């Protein structure tokens, strides 16, 4: 089984709420619509806690700025993204907007 994780930070002009809404309501359905073509066995979005909560935890622990989310993708076999494929490239390119 192969796993891929993306640690995501939003574009500077987006609030965390705007980013997470886009990721959940636009990007997730895009991933679902291409899941079979991509050979995905699974996809999970892990959304960060509200900024105030994360900021407090980061200060107390001396941690760097938090991510806005983490995406997890996995395949039973070799990931199709290792082969050039327009659907995969379009999916990855979509995250540039958020």
Protein backbone atom coordinates (compact mmCIF):
# COMPACT_ATOMS: atom_id res chain seq x y z
CA UNK A 1 0.00 0.00 0.00
CA UNK A 2 1.28 3.48 -0.88
CA UNK A 3 0.37 6.62 1.06
CA UNK A 4 0.76 10.26 0.12
CA UNK A 5 0.21 13.14 2.52
CA UNK A 6 -0.03 16.83 1.69
CA UNK A 7 0.46 19.42 4.43
CA UNK A 8 -1.55 22.39 3.19
CA UNK A 9 -1.40 26.11 3.78
CA UNK A 10 -3.98 28.42 2.28
CA UNK A 11 -3.23 31.29 -0.08
CA UNK A 12 -2.60 34.56 1.78
CA UNK A 13 -5.83 36.21 0.63
CA UNK A 14 -8.05 33.43 2.04
CA UNK A 15 -9.21 32.98 5.61
CA UNK A 16 -8.89 29.52 7.08
CA UNK A 17 -12.67 29.18 6.88
CA UNK A 18 -12.70 30.12 3.17
CA UNK A 19 -9.88 27.70 2.43
CA UNK A 20 -11.53 24.84 4.29
CA UNK A 21 -14.90 25.50 2.64
CA UNK A 22 -13.28 25.43 -0.81
CA UNK A 23 -11.30 22.30 0.04
CA UNK A 24 -14.36 20.50 1.41
CA UNK A 25 -17.03 21.69 -1.08
CA UNK A 26 -15.04 22.04 -4.33
CA UNK A 27 -11.83 20.03 -4.16
CA UNK A 28 -13.15 16.94 -2.33
CA UNK A 29 -15.91 16.34 -4.91
CA UNK A 30 -13.28 16.73 -7.65
CA UNK A 31 -11.15 14.04 -6.02
CA UNK A 32 -14.20 11.78 -5.61
CA UNK A 33 -15.14 12.21 -9.28
CA UNK A 34 -11.65 11.03 -10.34
CA UNK A 35 -11.06 8.40 -7.64
CA UNK A 36 -11.61 5.39 -9.91
CA UNK A 37 -9.46 6.81 -12.72
CA UNK A 38 -6.74 7.56 -10.17
CA UNK A 39 -6.98 4.13 -8.60
CA UNK A 40 -7.45 5.69 -5.16
CA UNK A 41 -8.22 3.34 -2.32
CA UNK A 42 -8.88 6.24 0.06
CA UNK A 43 -8.88 9.99 0.59
CA UNK A 44 -9.21 11.85 3.88
CA UNK A 45 -9.13 15.55 4.68
CA UNK A 46 -7.90 16.58 8.12
CA UNK A 47 -8.98 20.16 8.83
CA UNK A 48 -7.07 22.26 11.34
CA UNK A 49 -8.68 23.53 14.51
CA UNK A 50 -9.83 27.16 14.58
CA UNK A 51 -6.88 29.56 14.41
CA UNK A 52 -7.19 30.80 17.99
CA UNK A 53 -6.93 27.27 19.35
CA UNK A 54 -4.00 26.35 17.09
CA UNK A 55 -2.19 29.62 17.86
CA UNK A 56 -2.46 29.03 21.60
CA UNK A 57 -1.16 25.46 21.31
CA UNK A 58 1.69 26.59 19.04
CA UNK A 59 2.75 29.33 21.47
CA UNK A 60 2.68 26.98 24.45
CA UNK A 61 4.74 24.38 22.65
CA UNK A 62 7.03 26.73 20.74
CA UNK A 63 5.78 25.21 17.49
CA UNK A 64 5.97 26.77 14.03
CA UNK A 65 2.90 28.11 12.23
CA UNK A 66 0.32 25.39 11.80
CA UNK A 67 -0.98 23.96 8.56
CA UNK A 68 -4.56 24.63 7.50
CA UNK A 69 -5.09 20.98 6.78
CA UNK A 70 -3.53 17.67 5.85
CA UNK A 71 -4.75 15.52 2.96
CA UNK A 72 -4.16 11.77 3.00
CA UNK A 73 -4.42 9.66 -0.14
CA UNK A 74 -3.65 5.98 -0.49
CA UNK A 75 -3.49 3.24 -3.09
CA UNK A 76 -3.42 -0.55 -2.84
CA UNK A 77 -0.87 -0.71 -5.65
CA UNK A 78 1.59 1.67 -7.31
CA UNK A 79 0.11 5.17 -7.32
CA UNK A 80 -1.02 6.26 -10.73
CA UNK A 81 0.50 9.71 -10.16
CA UNK A 82 3.90 8.16 -10.83
CA UNK A 83 2.81 7.97 -14.47
CA UNK A 84 2.03 11.26 -16.23
CA UNK A 85 -1.74 11.56 -16.36
CA UNK A 86 -3.80 14.64 -17.16
CA UNK A 87 -6.43 13.88 -14.48
CA UNK A 88 -3.84 13.72 -11.74
CA UNK A 89 -2.17 16.90 -12.89
CA UNK A 90 -5.52 18.71 -13.00
CA UNK A 91 -6.35 17.52 -9.49
CA UNK A 92 -3.02 18.69 -8.08
CA UNK A 93 -3.33 21.99 -9.95
CA UNK A 94 -6.74 22.62 -8.33
CA UNK A 95 -5.13 22.99 -4.93
CA UNK A 96 -3.21 26.03 -6.18
CA UNK A 97 -6.50 27.98 -6.03
CA UNK A 98 -7.11 27.37 -2.34
